[in-house]
Protein backbone atom coordinates (compact mmCIF):
# COMPACT_ATOMS: atom_id res chain seq x y z
CA MET A 1 0.00 -0.11 -0.08
CA VAL A 2 1.58 3.25 -1.02
CA SER A 3 1.63 5.75 2.06
CA VAL A 4 -0.31 9.12 1.24
CA ALA A 5 1.71 12.43 2.49
CA LEU A 6 0.54 16.26 2.64
CA VAL A 7 3.21 18.85 2.90
CA THR A 8 2.05 22.32 3.61
CA GLY A 9 3.91 25.06 1.92
CA ALA A 10 5.41 22.75 -0.54
CA THR A 11 6.24 25.08 -3.59
CA ARG A 12 9.96 26.02 -2.55
CA GLY A 13 12.38 25.60 0.11
CA ILE A 14 12.19 23.11 2.78
CA GLY A 15 8.76 22.14 1.97
CA HIS A 16 9.32 21.45 -1.42
CA THR A 17 12.41 19.31 -0.90
CA THR A 18 10.64 17.29 1.53
CA ALA A 19 8.12 16.48 -0.91
CA ARG A 20 10.50 15.58 -3.51
CA LEU A 21 12.37 13.19 -1.31
CA LEU A 22 9.09 11.46 0.12
CA GLY A 23 8.07 11.11 -3.71
CA GLU A 24 11.44 9.69 -4.29
CA ARG A 25 11.06 7.15 -1.59
CA GLY A 26 7.36 5.95 -3.30
CA VAL A 27 5.33 8.39 -1.06
CA THR A 28 2.32 10.05 -2.94
CA ALA A 29 3.49 13.54 -1.64
CA ILE A 30 0.66 16.02 -2.23
CA ILE A 31 1.95 19.61 -2.86
CA GLY A 32 -0.09 21.77 -0.25
CA ALA A 33 0.15 25.36 -1.62
CA ARG A 34 -1.98 28.56 -0.97
CA ASP A 35 -0.96 29.82 -4.70
CA GLU A 36 -2.63 27.80 -7.27
CA GLU A 37 0.02 28.33 -10.41
CA ARG A 38 3.04 27.92 -8.13
CA GLY A 39 1.45 25.06 -6.62
CA ARG A 40 0.64 23.37 -10.03
CA ALA A 41 3.80 24.50 -11.25
CA ALA A 42 5.65 22.59 -8.23
CA ALA A 43 3.69 19.50 -8.43
CA GLU A 44 4.23 19.28 -12.25
CA ARG A 45 8.18 19.55 -11.47
CA LEU A 46 7.99 16.61 -9.27
CA GLY A 47 5.50 14.60 -10.88
CA LEU A 48 3.16 14.79 -7.80
CA PRO A 49 -0.57 15.77 -7.05
CA TYR A 50 -1.43 19.34 -5.88
CA VAL A 51 -4.25 20.54 -3.77
CA GLN A 52 -4.94 24.34 -3.15
CA LEU A 53 -4.55 25.03 0.77
CA ASP A 54 -4.27 28.02 2.77
CA VAL A 55 -3.66 27.19 6.29
CA THR A 56 -5.02 30.47 7.20
CA ASP A 57 -8.63 30.16 5.42
CA PRO A 58 -10.52 27.61 7.12
CA ALA A 59 -12.83 27.01 4.11
CA SER A 60 -9.55 26.12 1.97
CA VAL A 61 -8.48 23.80 4.96
CA ARG A 62 -11.73 21.88 5.00
CA SER A 63 -11.89 21.67 1.09
CA ALA A 64 -8.49 20.33 0.91
CA ALA A 65 -9.37 17.68 3.47
CA LYS A 66 -12.36 16.82 1.48
CA TRP A 67 -10.34 16.71 -1.74
CA ILE A 68 -7.81 14.07 -0.04
CA GLU A 69 -10.54 12.14 1.57
CA GLN A 70 -12.07 11.65 -1.95
CA GLU A 71 -9.14 10.81 -3.57
CA TYR A 72 -7.24 8.62 -1.38
CA GLY A 73 -9.51 7.88 1.59
CA ARG A 74 -6.75 8.49 4.16
CA LEU A 75 -3.62 10.25 5.13
CA ASP A 76 -0.58 8.45 6.42
CA ILE A 77 1.78 11.75 6.81
CA LEU A 78 1.00 15.00 7.65
CA VAL A 79 3.84 17.49 7.42
CA ASN A 80 3.06 21.14 8.54
CA ASN A 81 5.95 23.09 7.01
CA ALA A 82 3.89 26.23 5.96
CA GLY A 83 5.41 29.08 8.32
CA ILE A 84 6.10 32.76 8.22
CA MET A 85 8.92 35.21 9.74
CA VAL A 86 9.31 38.58 10.48
CA PRO A 87 12.88 40.55 10.67
CA ASP A 88 14.19 40.47 14.39
CA GLY A 89 14.33 43.12 16.84
CA PRO A 90 13.50 43.85 20.55
CA PRO A 91 10.31 42.67 21.92
CA SER A 92 9.53 46.71 22.75
CA GLN A 93 9.62 47.41 18.99
CA SER A 94 7.33 44.60 17.90
CA SER A 95 3.56 44.84 17.35
CA VAL A 96 0.37 43.05 18.25
CA GLN A 97 -0.77 43.27 14.36
CA GLU A 98 2.72 41.35 13.51
CA ALA A 99 2.38 38.71 16.20
CA ARG A 100 -1.09 38.00 15.18
CA HIS A 101 0.02 37.80 11.48
CA VAL A 102 2.68 35.18 12.21
CA TYR A 103 0.43 33.31 14.43
CA GLU A 104 -2.28 32.78 11.96
CA THR A 105 0.18 30.69 9.88
CA ASN A 106 2.54 29.46 12.16
CA VAL A 107 0.34 28.49 15.28
CA PHE A 108 -3.35 28.54 14.33
CA GLY A 109 -2.89 27.13 10.69
CA VAL A 110 -1.26 24.50 12.35
CA ILE A 111 -4.25 23.68 14.37
CA GLU A 112 -6.68 24.23 11.57
CA VAL A 113 -5.03 21.77 9.28
CA THR A 114 -4.32 18.98 12.12
CA ASN A 115 -7.66 18.96 13.15
CA ALA A 116 -9.22 18.89 9.64
CA LEU A 117 -6.88 16.00 8.57
CA LEU A 118 -6.90 13.97 11.82
CA PRO A 119 -9.95 11.84 10.85
CA LEU A 120 -7.96 10.87 7.56
CA LEU A 121 -4.65 10.17 9.73
CA ARG A 122 -6.86 7.92 11.98
CA ARG A 123 -7.88 5.73 8.98
CA SER A 124 -3.87 5.22 8.39
CA PRO A 125 -2.36 1.92 10.08
CA ALA A 126 0.77 4.19 10.93
CA GLY A 127 -0.16 8.15 10.83
CA ARG A 128 2.77 10.41 11.14
CA ILE A 129 2.50 14.36 12.06
CA VAL A 130 5.79 16.05 11.80
CA ASN A 131 5.69 20.02 12.90
CA VAL A 132 8.60 21.76 11.60
CA SER A 133 9.45 23.74 14.27
CA SER A 134 12.94 26.07 14.84
CA GLU A 135 15.39 25.77 17.60
CA ARG A 136 14.65 29.43 18.20
CA GLY A 137 11.34 28.21 19.59
CA SER A 138 13.56 26.45 22.32
CA ILE A 139 13.12 28.25 26.05
CA ALA A 140 15.78 26.76 27.33
CA GLY A 141 18.23 27.27 24.49
CA SER A 142 17.10 30.82 24.40
CA LEU A 143 17.88 31.24 27.99
CA ASP A 144 21.61 29.96 27.91
CA GLN A 145 23.81 32.96 27.40
CA ASN A 146 26.31 30.69 25.88
CA HIS A 147 24.14 29.64 23.52
CA PRO A 148 24.46 31.03 19.92
CA LEU A 149 20.58 31.99 20.28
CA TRP A 150 21.24 34.20 23.32
CA PRO A 151 21.55 37.30 21.37
CA MET A 152 18.56 36.78 19.03
CA LEU A 153 15.13 38.53 19.67
CA ASN A 154 12.19 37.69 17.65
CA LEU A 155 9.19 37.92 19.91
CA ALA A 156 6.59 37.11 17.08
CA TYR A 157 8.40 34.32 15.56
CA CYS A 158 9.95 32.69 18.19
CA SER A 159 7.25 32.58 20.48
CA SER A 160 5.29 30.97 17.64
CA LYS A 161 7.57 28.27 17.47
CA ALA A 162 7.30 27.62 21.32
CA ALA A 163 3.42 27.54 21.06
CA LEU A 164 4.02 25.12 18.26
CA ASN A 165 6.31 23.03 20.38
CA MET A 166 3.52 22.68 23.01
CA ILE A 167 1.04 21.83 20.50
CA THR A 168 2.83 19.19 19.18
CA VAL A 169 3.16 17.71 22.90
CA SER A 170 -0.73 18.15 22.96
CA TYR A 171 -1.50 16.25 20.06
CA ALA A 172 1.05 13.41 21.05
CA LYS A 173 -0.40 13.12 24.55
CA GLU A 174 -4.02 13.09 22.92
CA LEU A 175 -2.48 10.39 20.38
CA TRP A 176 -0.74 8.31 22.66
CA ASP A 177 -2.37 5.07 22.64
CA THR A 178 -2.91 5.26 18.99
CA PRO A 179 -0.51 4.33 16.23
CA ILE A 180 -0.19 7.73 15.48
CA LYS A 181 3.23 9.66 16.13
CA VAL A 182 3.75 13.49 16.86
CA ASN A 183 6.89 15.22 16.53
CA ALA A 184 8.44 18.29 15.87
CA VAL A 185 11.68 19.13 13.93
CA ASP A 186 14.01 21.77 13.83
CA PRO A 187 15.51 21.69 10.20
CA GLY A 188 18.52 24.16 11.46
CA TRP A 189 19.51 27.26 9.78
CA VAL A 190 18.75 26.19 6.08
CA LYS A 191 19.28 28.52 2.99
CA THR A 192 15.72 29.75 1.86
CA ASP A 193 14.06 32.70 0.60
CA ILE A 194 12.60 33.16 4.19
CA ASN A 195 15.97 33.84 5.27
CA HIS A 196 17.27 35.69 1.96
CA ASN A 197 19.69 32.58 1.53
CA THR A 198 21.82 33.33 4.69
CA GLY A 199 21.51 29.97 6.22
CA ILE A 200 24.40 27.36 6.33
CA LYS A 201 22.71 24.27 5.61
CA THR A 202 21.30 23.10 2.19
CA VAL A 203 17.47 22.26 1.62
CA GLU A 204 18.11 18.53 1.71
CA GLN A 205 19.89 18.58 5.13
CA GLY A 206 17.01 20.49 6.50
CA ALA A 207 14.83 18.01 5.05
CA ALA A 208 16.57 15.00 6.45
CA PRO A 209 15.35 14.91 10.12
CA ILE A 210 11.53 15.90 8.79
CA LEU A 211 12.12 12.60 6.31
CA ALA A 212 12.90 10.67 9.30
CA MET A 213 10.22 11.75 11.69
CA ALA A 214 7.69 11.37 8.63
CA LEU A 215 9.15 7.64 7.80
CA LEU A 216 9.10 6.61 11.42
CA ASP A 217 8.97 2.85 12.09
CA ALA A 218 6.29 1.50 14.77
CA ASP A 219 8.74 1.64 17.38
CA GLY A 220 9.97 5.22 16.77
CA PRO A 221 9.38 8.49 19.38
CA THR A 222 6.49 10.52 19.65
CA ALA A 223 6.34 13.65 21.53
CA THR A 224 9.95 14.83 20.72
CA PHE A 225 11.87 17.92 19.55
CA VAL A 226 14.68 17.09 17.13
CA GLN A 227 17.19 18.25 14.73
CA ASP A 228 19.68 16.40 12.75
CA GLU A 229 22.32 16.27 15.20
CA GLY A 230 19.96 14.99 18.01
CA PRO A 231 17.13 15.97 20.66
CA LEU A 232 16.78 19.64 21.51
CA PRO A 233 15.48 20.88 24.94
CA TRP A 234 11.96 22.46 24.91
């Protein structure tokens, strides 16, 4: 039985590469994208299916879930990759509007998509949910004055990823006695458009731990926060 995956925000960067690598391993990886033209182009490049999906639009999310159910009847892997970032700066200079904008995608969008797709994941013999987080959401790491994160300030983005980590734990606890595993992954500082290609890792390196969690065996972990180098502190 061929596994079916949905990768949100998959027209470029880490999401696009994750979908490609899943496809190369025989998974039917659905390209989820807000922009139809770009989404279809990305899907055509990879020879994968596409579904219109704006994680900040509940109607779009419901429509995508309905389409996946009609086409495949279930979902085996959900990669919540869609995310946005705003420039770094002191919290005192950030705005509520900015935080709301980031949270709509990075936090509320993940809840919307996960809840809509969970009934289909429950139909899978081994459902997997991978939330693409960031080490910048690690509270312990951020408070370590010897850690590279210490001087970095970005209230909206960092707190959204910390919230995403708790979202990960919350779903993992609800699904603890089911075959569904839920994990958060930090791809690392990857060269993508979101950071103007200032990262130090390739998209393939960033996608590697996401792929590992998406393809976990039955004895794999749940409720973890990891990067390619190993576990991260919450």
